[in-house]
C-alpha atoms as a PDB file:
ATOM      1  CA  ILE A   1       0.000   0.000   0.000  1.00  0.00           C
ATOM      2  CA  TYR A   2       1.463   3.348  -1.013  1.00  0.00           C
ATOM      3  CA  ILE A   3       0.194   6.445   0.754  1.00  0.00           C
ATOM      4  CA  VAL A   4       0.577   9.540  -1.385  1.00  0.00           C
ATOM      5  CA  GLY A   5      -0.410  13.125  -0.664  1.00  0.00           C
ATOM      6  CA  LEU A   6       0.749  16.688  -0.379  1.00  0.00           C
ATOM      7  CA  ALA A   7       2.087  18.095   2.874  1.00  0.00           C
ATOM      8  CA  ARG A   8      -0.564  18.315   5.607  1.00  0.00           C
ATOM      9  CA  ALA A   9      -2.910  16.030   3.629  1.00  0.00           C
ATOM     10  CA  GLY A  10      -3.196  13.429   6.382  1.00  0.00           C
ATOM     11  CA  THR A  11      -0.648  10.891   5.149  1.00  0.00           C
ATOM     12  CA  THR A  12       0.918  10.470   8.598  1.00  0.00           C
ATOM     13  CA  ILE A  13      -2.377   9.753  10.321  1.00  0.00           C
ATOM     14  CA  THR A  14      -3.293   7.338   7.505  1.00  0.00           C
ATOM     15  CA  LEU A  15       0.034   5.540   7.907  1.00  0.00           C
ATOM     16  CA  GLU A  16      -0.450   5.290  11.674  1.00  0.00           C
ATOM     17  CA  MET A  17      -3.978   3.928  11.205  1.00  0.00           C
ATOM     18  CA  LEU A  18      -2.863   1.281   8.699  1.00  0.00           C
ATOM     19  CA  ASP A  19       0.109   0.307  10.873  1.00  0.00           C
ATOM     20  CA  LYS A  20      -2.304  -0.686  13.648  1.00  0.00           C
ATOM     21  CA  HIS A  21      -4.032  -3.233  11.380  1.00  0.00           C
ATOM     22  CA  PRO A  22      -2.998  -6.782  12.385  1.00  0.00           C
ATOM     23  CA  PHE A  23      -2.382  -7.924   8.792  1.00  0.00           C
ATOM     24  CA  LEU A  24      -0.223  -4.963   7.747  1.00  0.00           C
ATOM     25  CA  ALA A  25       3.290  -3.861   8.624  1.00  0.00           C
ATOM     26  CA  SER A  26       5.356  -0.755   8.068  1.00  0.00           C
ATOM     27  CA  HIS A  27       8.913   0.377   8.468  1.00  0.00           C
ATOM     28  CA  LYS A  28       9.519   2.283  11.674  1.00  0.00           C
ATOM     29  CA  TYR A  29      11.706   5.241  12.568  1.00  0.00           C
ATOM     30  CA  LYS A  30      14.194   2.749  14.001  1.00  0.00           C
ATOM     31  CA  HIS A  31      14.665   1.301  10.495  1.00  0.00           C
ATOM     32  CA  LEU A  32      15.761   4.593   8.908  1.00  0.00           C
ATOM     33  CA  PRO A  33      19.515   3.931   9.259  1.00  0.00           C
ATOM     34  CA  MET A  34      19.275   0.476   7.628  1.00  0.00           C
ATOM     35  CA  PRO A  35      15.921  -0.038   5.847  1.00  0.00           C
ATOM     36  CA  PHE A  36      17.198  -3.071   3.910  1.00  0.00           C
ATOM     37  CA  LEU A  37      17.728  -4.987   7.170  1.00  0.00           C
ATOM     38  CA  PRO A  38      14.700  -4.096   9.318  1.00  0.00           C
ATOM     39  CA  TYR A  39      14.661  -7.312  11.357  1.00  0.00           C
ATOM     40  CA  ALA A  40      18.384  -7.317  12.114  1.00  0.00           C
ATOM     41  CA  PHE A  41      18.468  -3.625  12.918  1.00  0.00           C
ATOM     42  CA  SER A  42      15.404  -4.025  15.157  1.00  0.00           C
ATOM     43  CA  LEU A  43      17.333  -6.551  17.249  1.00  0.00           C
ATOM     44  CA  PHE A  44      20.177  -4.061  17.567  1.00  0.00           C
ATOM     45  CA  THR A  45      17.930  -1.139  18.551  1.00  0.00           C
ATOM     46  CA  GLU A  46      16.178  -3.225  21.208  1.00  0.00           C
ATOM     47  CA  LEU A  47      19.480  -3.288  23.104  1.00  0.00           C
ATOM     48  CA  SER A  48      19.634   0.505  23.316  1.00  0.00           C
ATOM     49  CA  ARG A  49      17.543   3.175  25.002  1.00  0.00           C
ATOM     50  CA  PHE A  50      17.874   5.426  21.989  1.00  0.00           C
ATOM     51  CA  PHE A  51      14.740   7.333  20.958  1.00  0.00           C
ATOM     52  CA  THR A  52      12.356   5.632  23.400  1.00  0.00           C
ATOM     53  CA  LYS A  53      10.712   8.803  24.733  1.00  0.00           C
ATOM     54  CA  PRO A  54       8.302  10.593  22.384  1.00  0.00           C
ATOM     55  CA  ILE A  55       9.732  13.688  20.706  1.00  0.00           C
ATOM     56  CA  GLU A  56       8.130  16.119  18.293  1.00  0.00           C
ATOM     57  CA  ARG A  57       8.891  15.530  14.621  1.00  0.00           C
ATOM     58  CA  VAL A  58      11.298  17.884  12.862  1.00  0.00           C
ATOM     59  CA  HIS A  59       8.277  19.338  11.019  1.00  0.00           C
ATOM     60  CA  LYS A  60       7.204  20.957  14.323  1.00  0.00           C
ATOM     61  CA  ASP A  61       3.609  19.932  13.602  1.00  0.00           C
ATOM     62  CA  GLY A  62       2.656  18.688  17.058  1.00  0.00           C
ATOM     63  CA  ILE A  63       3.048  15.009  16.138  1.00  0.00           C
ATOM     64  CA  PHE A  64       5.252  13.102  18.567  1.00  0.00           C
ATOM     65  CA  VAL A  65       7.113   9.962  17.547  1.00  0.00           C
ATOM     66  CA  THR A  66       9.314   7.244  19.003  1.00  0.00           C
ATOM     67  CA  ARG A  67      11.495   4.664  17.316  1.00  0.00           C
ATOM     68  CA  GLU A  68       8.402   2.417  17.118  1.00  0.00           C
ATOM     69  CA  SER A  69       6.366   4.972  15.153  1.00  0.00           C
ATOM     70  CA  PRO A  70       5.628   4.048  11.533  1.00  0.00           C
ATOM     71  CA  GLU A  71       7.591   5.996   8.934  1.00  0.00           C
ATOM     72  CA  ALA A  72       7.817   5.948   5.159  1.00  0.00           C
ATOM     73  CA  VAL A  73      11.384   5.061   4.194  1.00  0.00           C
ATOM     74  CA  GLU A  74      10.710   4.149   0.572  1.00  0.00           C
ATOM     75  CA  GLU A  75      12.875   7.047  -0.627  1.00  0.00           C
ATOM     76  CA  LYS A  76      15.976   5.008   0.224  1.00  0.00           C
ATOM     77  CA  PHE A  77      14.689   2.095  -1.872  1.00  0.00           C
ATOM     78  CA  TRP A  78      13.925   4.350  -4.845  1.00  0.00           C
ATOM     79  CA  GLN A  79      17.394   5.898  -4.627  1.00  0.00           C
ATOM     80  CA  HIS A  80      19.030   2.473  -4.465  1.00  0.00           C
ATOM     81  CA  PHE A  81      17.157   0.739  -7.268  1.00  0.00           C
ATOM     82  CA  PHE A  82      16.477   3.762  -9.496  1.00  0.00           C
ATOM     83  CA  THR A  83      19.784   5.615  -9.296  1.00  0.00           C
ATOM     84  CA  ASN A  84      18.926   8.208 -11.949  1.00  0.00           C
ATOM     85  CA  ASN A  85      15.594   9.273 -10.455  1.00  0.00           C
ATOM     86  CA  HIS A  86      16.987  12.584  -9.242  1.00  0.00           C
ATOM     87  CA  ASN A  87      19.289  13.165 -12.212  1.00  0.00           C
ATOM     88  CA  GLU A  88      17.777  16.092 -14.120  1.00  0.00           C
ATOM     89  CA  GLU A  89      19.946  15.271 -17.149  1.00  0.00           C
ATOM     90  CA  ILE A  90      18.056  12.006 -17.725  1.00  0.00           C
ATOM     91  CA  SER A  91      14.364  11.739 -18.616  1.00  0.00           C
ATOM     92  CA  ASN A  92      12.459   9.312 -16.404  1.00  0.00           C
ATOM     93  CA  ILE A  93       9.335   9.303 -18.549  1.00  0.00           C
ATOM     94  CA  MET A  94       8.188   5.759 -19.235  1.00  0.00           C
ATOM     95  CA  ASP A  95       6.716   5.253 -22.680  1.00  0.00           C
ATOM     96  CA  GLY A  96       6.206   2.485 -25.235  1.00  0.00           C
ATOM     97  CA  ALA A  97       9.877   2.655 -26.297  1.00  0.00           C
ATOM     98  CA  ILE A  98      10.999   0.839 -23.163  1.00  0.00           C
END
């Protein structure tokens, strides 16, 4: 499930709602350093007290998060598998020529 929207459109609250569903899962803030190894990195973070108390997000929007809060980390996957996505010299338009 991809959640897409402009800033302040409710994507965070939608992500938090979906993350509570028993048949769905999401990356968490604790996965940001190593999103390709979420299980292994989760074991590592469980040994620390890092980021266990809620703090306000950098957006200063009144939403408080911990390392267990759901977070969209797909940007790192796009950058890894689609290396030219942010290269303005290369067109990323997909057409019938591909």
